[in-house]
Amino acid sequence: AVSSAEDEFIDMTEMNIMSYKVGWSDLKIDEDLGGGKIDMTNAEGGETVYEKGFVAHADSELVFDIDGLGVTKFTALVGADHSSTNGDPSKTSVKFLVYADGIKLYESGIFGYYTPAERVVVYLPEGTSELKLVTDKADGSNSCDPSCWAMPTLFMGEPTGHIFTSIDARVGKSTLKVGETTEYTVRALDLFDAEMEVDEITFSSGAPEVAKIDQTGKIT
């Protein structure tokens, strides 16, 4: 089990699962039902790959003991996983539910194979000891329903905002002629690749005799 310690958040894929049930095959952690990478439809209609997550065929139920951890919030990205075992994506129909000590706190809409993944944020009552993640075969047919909880995370203590995890840095041009300029843009990203506000970003050039950069990101 995971101790409460002073951790600000816990990656749930690293936790012991108290019990689980799946509708077909077995529960997969950090891979899809066919043993490949986890991927779901994104908001642009393409696919996003996730390194961490639970994949289970609906109906499924994952139960976690969080007693004494001081958990205040659960977050994840949910949707239909594009598992290679899915023989007919047109039949995919799943929904997601979250329970805390047997009380339902969240129920999603119905996800088809091409429905974009959605972020789930659920605030838990103080003293919650058991968290249950459920997926349901929404159309009543136990066929082609691989469901995914990507980046499942628990937050402790006072509910917090974003957790910084990476930087997205981009440059307008990769090469410049003498006298040309371009701009460097940087974004701080959270667990879900959502942009975060930052107080200050400082730029510097490793070779100022070749190229200079000011504090707005302008390169000359």
C-alpha atoms as a PDB file:
ATOM      1  CA  ALA A   1       0.000   0.000   0.000  1.00  0.00           C
ATOM      2  CA  VAL A   2       1.003   3.635  -0.361  1.00  0.00           C
ATOM      3  CA  SER A   3       1.711   5.528   2.862  1.00  0.00           C
ATOM      4  CA  SER A   4       0.298   9.000   3.344  1.00  0.00           C
ATOM      5  CA  ALA A   5       3.707  10.609   4.004  1.00  0.00           C
ATOM      6  CA  GLU A   6       3.926  14.176   2.725  1.00  0.00           C
ATOM      7  CA  ASP A   7       3.463  13.410  -0.979  1.00  0.00           C
ATOM      8  CA  GLU A   8       1.438  16.004  -2.842  1.00  0.00           C
ATOM      9  CA  PHE A   9       0.055  13.475  -5.300  1.00  0.00           C
ATOM     10  CA  ILE A  10       0.138   9.737  -6.043  1.00  0.00           C
ATOM     11  CA  ASP A  11       0.261   7.962  -9.402  1.00  0.00           C
ATOM     12  CA  MET A  12      -2.466   5.362  -8.901  1.00  0.00           C
ATOM     13  CA  THR A  13      -0.830   2.887 -11.282  1.00  0.00           C
ATOM     14  CA  GLU A  14       1.864   2.490  -8.599  1.00  0.00           C
ATOM     15  CA  MET A  15      -0.708   1.593  -5.918  1.00  0.00           C
ATOM     16  CA  ASN A  16      -1.920  -1.822  -4.822  1.00  0.00           C
ATOM     17  CA  ILE A  17      -5.442  -2.517  -6.073  1.00  0.00           C
ATOM     18  CA  MET A  18      -7.587  -3.928  -3.275  1.00  0.00           C
ATOM     19  CA  SER A  19      -9.858  -5.785  -5.720  1.00  0.00           C
ATOM     20  CA  TYR A  20     -10.954  -5.628  -9.334  1.00  0.00           C
ATOM     21  CA  LYS A  21     -13.382  -7.158 -11.827  1.00  0.00           C
ATOM     22  CA  VAL A  22     -13.416  -6.882 -15.623  1.00  0.00           C
ATOM     23  CA  GLY A  23     -15.940  -7.815 -18.288  1.00  0.00           C
ATOM     24  CA  TRP A  24     -13.451  -9.657 -20.480  1.00  0.00           C
ATOM     25  CA  SER A  25      -9.762 -10.544 -20.583  1.00  0.00           C
ATOM     26  CA  ASP A  26      -7.796  -9.005 -17.678  1.00  0.00           C
ATOM     27  CA  LEU A  27      -6.977  -5.622 -16.184  1.00  0.00           C
ATOM     28  CA  LYS A  28      -4.046  -3.978 -17.940  1.00  0.00           C
ATOM     29  CA  ILE A  29      -1.773  -1.388 -16.355  1.00  0.00           C
ATOM     30  CA  ASP A  30       0.168   1.035 -18.597  1.00  0.00           C
ATOM     31  CA  GLU A  31      -0.782  -0.938 -21.739  1.00  0.00           C
ATOM     32  CA  ASP A  32      -3.894  -1.746 -23.748  1.00  0.00           C
ATOM     33  CA  LEU A  33      -5.703  -5.086 -23.875  1.00  0.00           C
ATOM     34  CA  GLY A  34      -3.519  -6.217 -26.774  1.00  0.00           C
ATOM     35  CA  GLY A  35      -0.276  -5.329 -25.005  1.00  0.00           C
ATOM     36  CA  GLY A  36       0.286  -2.118 -27.000  1.00  0.00           C
ATOM     37  CA  LYS A  37       0.382   1.500 -25.901  1.00  0.00           C
ATOM     38  CA  ILE A  38      -2.644   3.194 -24.393  1.00  0.00           C
ATOM     39  CA  ASP A  39      -4.214   5.651 -26.827  1.00  0.00           C
ATOM     40  CA  MET A  40      -7.523   7.485 -27.092  1.00  0.00           C
ATOM     41  CA  THR A  41      -9.141   9.991 -29.420  1.00  0.00           C
ATOM     42  CA  ASN A  42      -8.190  13.581 -28.623  1.00  0.00           C
ATOM     43  CA  ALA A  43     -10.124  16.833 -29.060  1.00  0.00           C
ATOM     44  CA  GLU A  44      -8.627  17.371 -32.530  1.00  0.00           C
ATOM     45  CA  GLY A  45      -9.861  13.979 -33.743  1.00  0.00           C
ATOM     46  CA  GLY A  46      -6.397  12.419 -33.708  1.00  0.00           C
ATOM     47  CA  GLU A  47      -4.949  10.018 -31.164  1.00  0.00           C
ATOM     48  CA  THR A  48      -2.996  10.729 -27.983  1.00  0.00           C
ATOM     49  CA  VAL A  49      -0.765   8.078 -26.407  1.00  0.00           C
ATOM     50  CA  TYR A  50      -0.606   7.830 -22.610  1.00  0.00           C
ATOM     51  CA  GLU A  51       2.263   6.224 -20.734  1.00  0.00           C
ATOM     52  CA  LYS A  52       0.233   5.546 -17.582  1.00  0.00           C
ATOM     53  CA  GLY A  53      -3.242   4.211 -16.971  1.00  0.00           C
ATOM     54  CA  PHE A  54      -5.687   1.373 -16.373  1.00  0.00           C
ATOM     55  CA  VAL A  55      -7.383  -0.372 -19.291  1.00  0.00           C
ATOM     56  CA  ALA A  56     -10.246  -2.780 -18.638  1.00  0.00           C
ATOM     57  CA  HIS A  57     -13.102  -4.157 -20.689  1.00  0.00           C
ATOM     58  CA  ALA A  58     -16.470  -2.977 -19.371  1.00  0.00           C
ATOM     59  CA  ASP A  59     -18.165  -3.837 -17.123  1.00  0.00           C
ATOM     60  CA  SER A  60     -15.226  -3.240 -14.797  1.00  0.00           C
ATOM     61  CA  GLU A  61     -14.607  -2.243 -11.198  1.00  0.00           C
ATOM     62  CA  LEU A  62     -11.342  -1.201  -9.521  1.00  0.00           C
ATOM     63  CA  VAL A  63     -11.303  -0.716  -5.743  1.00  0.00           C
ATOM     64  CA  PHE A  64      -8.565   1.160  -3.858  1.00  0.00           C
ATOM     65  CA  ASP A  65      -7.909   1.435  -0.130  1.00  0.00           C
ATOM     66  CA  ILE A  66      -7.103   5.102   0.529  1.00  0.00           C
ATOM     67  CA  ASP A  67      -7.815   5.084   4.257  1.00  0.00           C
ATOM     68  CA  GLY A  68      -5.533   7.470   6.128  1.00  0.00           C
ATOM     69  CA  LEU A  69      -3.961   9.011   3.028  1.00  0.00           C
ATOM     70  CA  GLY A  70      -5.818  12.306   3.357  1.00  0.00           C
ATOM     71  CA  VAL A  71      -6.917  12.216  -0.284  1.00  0.00           C
ATOM     72  CA  THR A  72      -8.952  15.231  -1.348  1.00  0.00           C
ATOM     73  CA  LYS A  73      -9.117  14.884  -5.114  1.00  0.00           C
ATOM     74  CA  PHE A  74      -9.063  12.252  -7.878  1.00  0.00           C
ATOM     75  CA  THR A  75      -8.246  13.103 -11.488  1.00  0.00           C
ATOM     76  CA  ALA A  76      -7.907  11.106 -14.716  1.00  0.00           C
ATOM     77  CA  LEU A  77      -8.544  11.231 -18.441  1.00  0.00           C
ATOM     78  CA  VAL A  78     -11.284   8.800 -19.455  1.00  0.00           C
ATOM     79  CA  GLY A  79     -12.387   7.371 -22.755  1.00  0.00           C
ATOM     80  CA  ALA A  80     -12.484   4.320 -24.999  1.00  0.00           C
ATOM     81  CA  ASP A  81      -9.046   2.826 -25.496  1.00  0.00           C
ATOM     82  CA  HIS A  82      -8.068   1.970 -29.076  1.00  0.00           C
ATOM     83  CA  SER A  83      -7.046  -1.571 -28.176  1.00  0.00           C
ATOM     84  CA  SER A  84      -6.043  -3.806 -31.056  1.00  0.00           C
ATOM     85  CA  THR A  85      -8.418  -6.437 -29.649  1.00  0.00           C
ATOM     86  CA  ASN A  86     -11.423  -4.252 -30.531  1.00  0.00           C
ATOM     87  CA  GLY A  87     -12.868  -6.034 -33.559  1.00  0.00           C
ATOM     88  CA  ASP A  88     -15.660  -3.548 -34.269  1.00  0.00           C
ATOM     89  CA  PRO A  89     -15.195   0.044 -33.022  1.00  0.00           C
ATOM     90  CA  SER A  90     -18.764   0.893 -34.066  1.00  0.00           C
ATOM     91  CA  LYS A  91     -19.991  -1.258 -31.158  1.00  0.00           C
ATOM     92  CA  THR A  92     -17.949   0.540 -28.482  1.00  0.00           C
ATOM     93  CA  SER A  93     -20.147   2.142 -25.823  1.00  0.00           C
ATOM     94  CA  VAL A  94     -18.898   2.803 -22.295  1.00  0.00           C
ATOM     95  CA  LYS A  95     -19.448   5.201 -19.424  1.00  0.00           C
ATOM     96  CA  PHE A  96     -17.438   5.928 -16.288  1.00  0.00           C
ATOM     97  CA  LEU A  97     -18.449   6.221 -12.628  1.00  0.00           C
ATOM     98  CA  VAL A  98     -16.543   7.151  -9.456  1.00  0.00           C
ATOM     99  CA  TYR A  99     -17.620   6.103  -5.945  1.00  0.00           C
ATOM    100  CA  ALA A 100     -16.244   7.182  -2.566  1.00  0.00           C
ATOM    101  CA  ASP A 101     -17.211   4.869   0.310  1.00  0.00           C
ATOM    102  CA  GLY A 102     -20.101   3.568  -1.802  1.00  0.00           C
ATOM    103  CA  ILE A 103     -21.481   6.989  -2.714  1.00  0.00           C
ATOM    104  CA  LYS A 104     -21.532   7.897  -6.410  1.00  0.00           C
ATOM    105  CA  LEU A 105     -19.759  11.194  -6.980  1.00  0.00           C
ATOM    106  CA  TYR A 106     -19.367  11.144 -10.751  1.00  0.00           C
ATOM    107  CA  GLU A 107     -21.028   9.611 -13.811  1.00  0.00           C
ATOM    108  CA  SER A 108     -19.899  10.395 -17.351  1.00  0.00           C
ATOM    109  CA  GLY A 109     -21.823  10.490 -20.557  1.00  0.00           C
ATOM    110  CA  ILE A 110     -21.522   7.641 -23.043  1.00  0.00           C
ATOM    111  CA  PHE A 111     -18.224   7.268 -24.911  1.00  0.00           C
ATOM    112  CA  GLY A 112     -17.946   5.698 -28.330  1.00  0.00           C
ATOM    113  CA  TYR A 113     -14.678   4.616 -29.910  1.00  0.00           C
ATOM    114  CA  TYR A 114     -14.099   8.051 -31.476  1.00  0.00           C
ATOM    115  CA  THR A 115     -15.416  10.185 -28.602  1.00  0.00           C
ATOM    116  CA  PRO A 116     -12.596  12.476 -27.412  1.00  0.00           C
ATOM    117  CA  ALA A 117     -11.146  11.613 -24.010  1.00  0.00           C
ATOM    118  CA  GLU A 118     -12.328  13.859 -21.192  1.00  0.00           C
ATOM    119  CA  ARG A 119     -10.673  15.030 -18.006  1.00  0.00           C
ATOM    120  CA  VAL A 120     -12.376  13.931 -14.784  1.00  0.00           C
ATOM    121  CA  VAL A 121     -11.897  15.869 -11.536  1.00  0.00           C
ATOM    122  CA  VAL A 122     -13.657  14.489  -8.456  1.00  0.00           C
ATOM    123  CA  TYR A 123     -13.321  16.059  -4.991  1.00  0.00           C
ATOM    124  CA  LEU A 124     -13.585  13.452  -2.228  1.00  0.00           C
ATOM    125  CA  PRO A 125     -15.261  13.893   1.164  1.00  0.00           C
ATOM    126  CA  GLU A 126     -12.903  14.247   4.108  1.00  0.00           C
ATOM    127  CA  GLY A 127     -11.954  10.868   5.553  1.00  0.00           C
ATOM    128  CA  THR A 128     -12.798   8.823   2.449  1.00  0.00           C
ATOM    129  CA  SER A 129     -11.384   5.318   2.926  1.00  0.00           C
ATOM    130  CA  GLU A 130     -12.369   3.537  -0.286  1.00  0.00           C
ATOM    131  CA  LEU A 131     -12.317   4.749  -3.887  1.00  0.00           C
ATOM    132  CA  LYS A 132     -14.018   2.697  -6.595  1.00  0.00           C
ATOM    133  CA  LEU A 133     -13.614   3.280 -10.339  1.00  0.00           C
ATOM    134  CA  VAL A 134     -16.345   1.685 -12.442  1.00  0.00           C
ATOM    135  CA  THR A 135     -16.971   1.359 -16.177  1.00  0.00           C
ATOM    136  CA  ASP A 136     -20.309   0.289 -17.589  1.00  0.00           C
ATOM    137  CA  LYS A 137     -21.235  -1.210 -20.973  1.00  0.00           C
ATOM    138  CA  ALA A 138     -23.656   1.605 -21.703  1.00  0.00           C
ATOM    139  CA  ASP A 139     -25.630  -0.118 -24.468  1.00  0.00           C
ATOM    140  CA  GLY A 140     -26.109  -3.357 -22.528  1.00  0.00           C
ATOM    141  CA  SER A 141     -23.882  -5.323 -24.911  1.00  0.00           C
ATOM    142  CA  ASN A 142     -20.606  -6.707 -23.562  1.00  0.00           C
ATOM    143  CA  SER A 143     -18.837  -6.279 -26.894  1.00  0.00           C
ATOM    144  CA  CYS A 144     -15.878  -4.116 -27.977  1.00  0.00           C
ATOM    145  CA  ASP A 145     -15.869  -1.968 -24.827  1.00  0.00           C
ATOM    146  CA  PRO A 146     -12.223  -1.377 -23.755  1.00  0.00           C
ATOM    147  CA  SER A 147     -12.291   1.506 -21.278  1.00  0.00           C
ATOM    148  CA  CYS A 148      -9.381   3.579 -20.009  1.00  0.00           C
ATOM    149  CA  TRP A 149      -8.513   5.645 -16.937  1.00  0.00           C
ATOM    150  CA  ALA A 150      -5.378   7.440 -18.186  1.00  0.00           C
ATOM    151  CA  MET A 151      -3.035   9.311 -15.820  1.00  0.00           C
ATOM    152  CA  PRO A 152      -5.110   8.403 -12.717  1.00  0.00           C
ATOM    153  CA  THR A 153      -3.892  10.576  -9.864  1.00  0.00           C
ATOM    154  CA  LEU A 154      -4.757  11.180  -6.216  1.00  0.00           C
ATOM    155  CA  PHE A 155      -4.063  14.522  -4.508  1.00  0.00           C
ATOM    156  CA  MET A 156      -3.577  14.906  -0.770  1.00  0.00           C
ATOM    157  CA  GLY A 157      -4.031  17.761   1.671  1.00  0.00           C
ATOM    158  CA  GLU A 158      -5.803  20.915   0.623  1.00  0.00           C
ATOM    159  CA  PRO A 159      -7.205  20.656  -2.918  1.00  0.00           C
ATOM    160  CA  THR A 160      -4.507  21.998  -5.213  1.00  0.00           C
ATOM    161  CA  GLY A 161      -4.368  23.367  -8.716  1.00  0.00           C
ATOM    162  CA  HIS A 162      -2.070  22.212 -11.468  1.00  0.00           C
ATOM    163  CA  ILE A 163       1.059  20.175 -10.875  1.00  0.00           C
ATOM    164  CA  PHE A 164       3.915  21.214 -13.145  1.00  0.00           C
ATOM    165  CA  THR A 165       5.363  18.253 -15.077  1.00  0.00           C
ATOM    166  CA  SER A 166       6.912  19.452 -18.360  1.00  0.00           C
ATOM    167  CA  ILE A 167       7.850  22.335 -20.660  1.00  0.00           C
ATOM    168  CA  ASP A 168       6.724  22.775 -24.256  1.00  0.00           C
ATOM    169  CA  ALA A 169       9.337  24.898 -26.078  1.00  0.00           C
ATOM    170  CA  ARG A 170       9.010  25.922 -29.723  1.00  0.00           C
ATOM    171  CA  VAL A 171      11.003  28.165 -32.052  1.00  0.00           C
ATOM    172  CA  GLY A 172       9.590  29.938 -35.093  1.00  0.00           C
ATOM    173  CA  LYS A 173      12.555  29.109 -37.361  1.00  0.00           C
ATOM    174  CA  SER A 174      15.235  26.505 -36.802  1.00  0.00           C
ATOM    175  CA  THR A 175      17.802  28.431 -38.873  1.00  0.00           C
ATOM    176  CA  LEU A 176      18.324  32.167 -39.374  1.00  0.00           C
ATOM    177  CA  LYS A 177      20.172  34.266 -41.902  1.00  0.00           C
ATOM    178  CA  VAL A 178      22.205  37.201 -40.674  1.00  0.00           C
ATOM    179  CA  GLY A 179      19.824  40.019 -39.781  1.00  0.00           C
ATOM    180  CA  GLU A 180      16.755  37.776 -39.457  1.00  0.00           C
ATOM    181  CA  THR A 181      14.811  37.308 -36.231  1.00  0.00           C
ATOM    182  CA  THR A 182      12.471  34.686 -34.833  1.00  0.00           C
ATOM    183  CA  GLU A 183      10.715  33.985 -31.550  1.00  0.00           C
ATOM    184  CA  TYR A 184      10.978  31.281 -28.933  1.00  0.00           C
ATOM    185  CA  THR A 185       7.772  30.335 -27.098  1.00  0.00           C
ATOM    186  CA  VAL A 186       7.634  28.309 -23.908  1.00  0.00           C
ATOM    187  CA  ARG A 187       4.663  26.849 -22.064  1.00  0.00           C
ATOM    188  CA  ALA A 188       4.546  25.133 -18.675  1.00  0.00           C
ATOM    189  CA  LEU A 189       2.314  22.023 -18.777  1.00  0.00           C
ATOM    190  CA  ASP A 190       0.547  20.010 -16.090  1.00  0.00           C
ATOM    191  CA  LEU A 191      -0.161  16.265 -15.834  1.00  0.00           C
ATOM    192  CA  PHE A 192      -2.759  16.529 -18.593  1.00  0.00           C
ATOM    193  CA  ASP A 193      -0.678  18.723 -20.920  1.00  0.00           C
ATOM    194  CA  ALA A 194      -2.850  21.717 -20.011  1.00  0.00           C
ATOM    195  CA  GLU A 195      -1.036  25.064 -19.985  1.00  0.00           C
ATOM    196  CA  MET A 196      -0.230  26.571 -16.594  1.00  0.00           C
ATOM    197  CA  GLU A 197       0.339  30.166 -15.575  1.00  0.00           C
ATOM    198  CA  VAL A 198       3.885  30.920 -14.424  1.00  0.00           C
ATOM    199  CA  ASP A 199       5.296  33.972 -12.675  1.00  0.00           C
ATOM    200  CA  GLU A 200       8.399  34.338 -14.831  1.00  0.00           C
ATOM    201  CA  ILE A 201      10.300  32.699 -17.685  1.00  0.00           C
ATOM    202  CA  THR A 202      13.937  33.621 -18.206  1.00  0.00           C
ATOM    203  CA  PHE A 203      15.721  33.154 -21.546  1.00  0.00           C
ATOM    204  CA  SER A 204      19.469  32.943 -22.131  1.00  0.00           C
ATOM    205  CA  SER A 205      21.710  32.021 -25.049  1.00  0.00           C
ATOM    206  CA  GLY A 206      24.393  29.397 -24.741  1.00  0.00           C
ATOM    207  CA  ALA A 207      26.326  31.018 -27.591  1.00  0.00           C
ATOM    208  CA  PRO A 208      25.643  34.797 -27.533  1.00  0.00           C
ATOM    209  CA  GLU A 209      28.364  35.389 -30.121  1.00  0.00           C
ATOM    210  CA  VAL A 210      26.206  33.405 -32.593  1.00  0.00           C
ATOM    211  CA  ALA A 211      22.664  34.255 -31.511  1.00  0.00           C
ATOM    212  CA  LYS A 212      21.140  36.430 -28.802  1.00  0.00           C
ATOM    213  CA  ILE A 213      17.750  36.131 -27.122  1.00  0.00           C
ATOM    214  CA  ASP A 214      15.947  38.777 -25.091  1.00  0.00           C
ATOM    215  CA  GLN A 215      13.507  38.226 -22.237  1.00  0.00           C
ATOM    216  CA  THR A 216      10.501  38.244 -24.583  1.00  0.00           C
ATOM    217  CA  GLY A 217      11.910  35.213 -26.455  1.00  0.00           C
ATOM    218  CA  LYS A 218      13.045  37.202 -29.505  1.00  0.00           C
ATOM    219  CA  ILE A 219      16.117  35.649 -31.146  1.00  0.00           C
ATOM    220  CA  THR A 220      18.528  37.692 -33.298  1.00  0.00           C
END
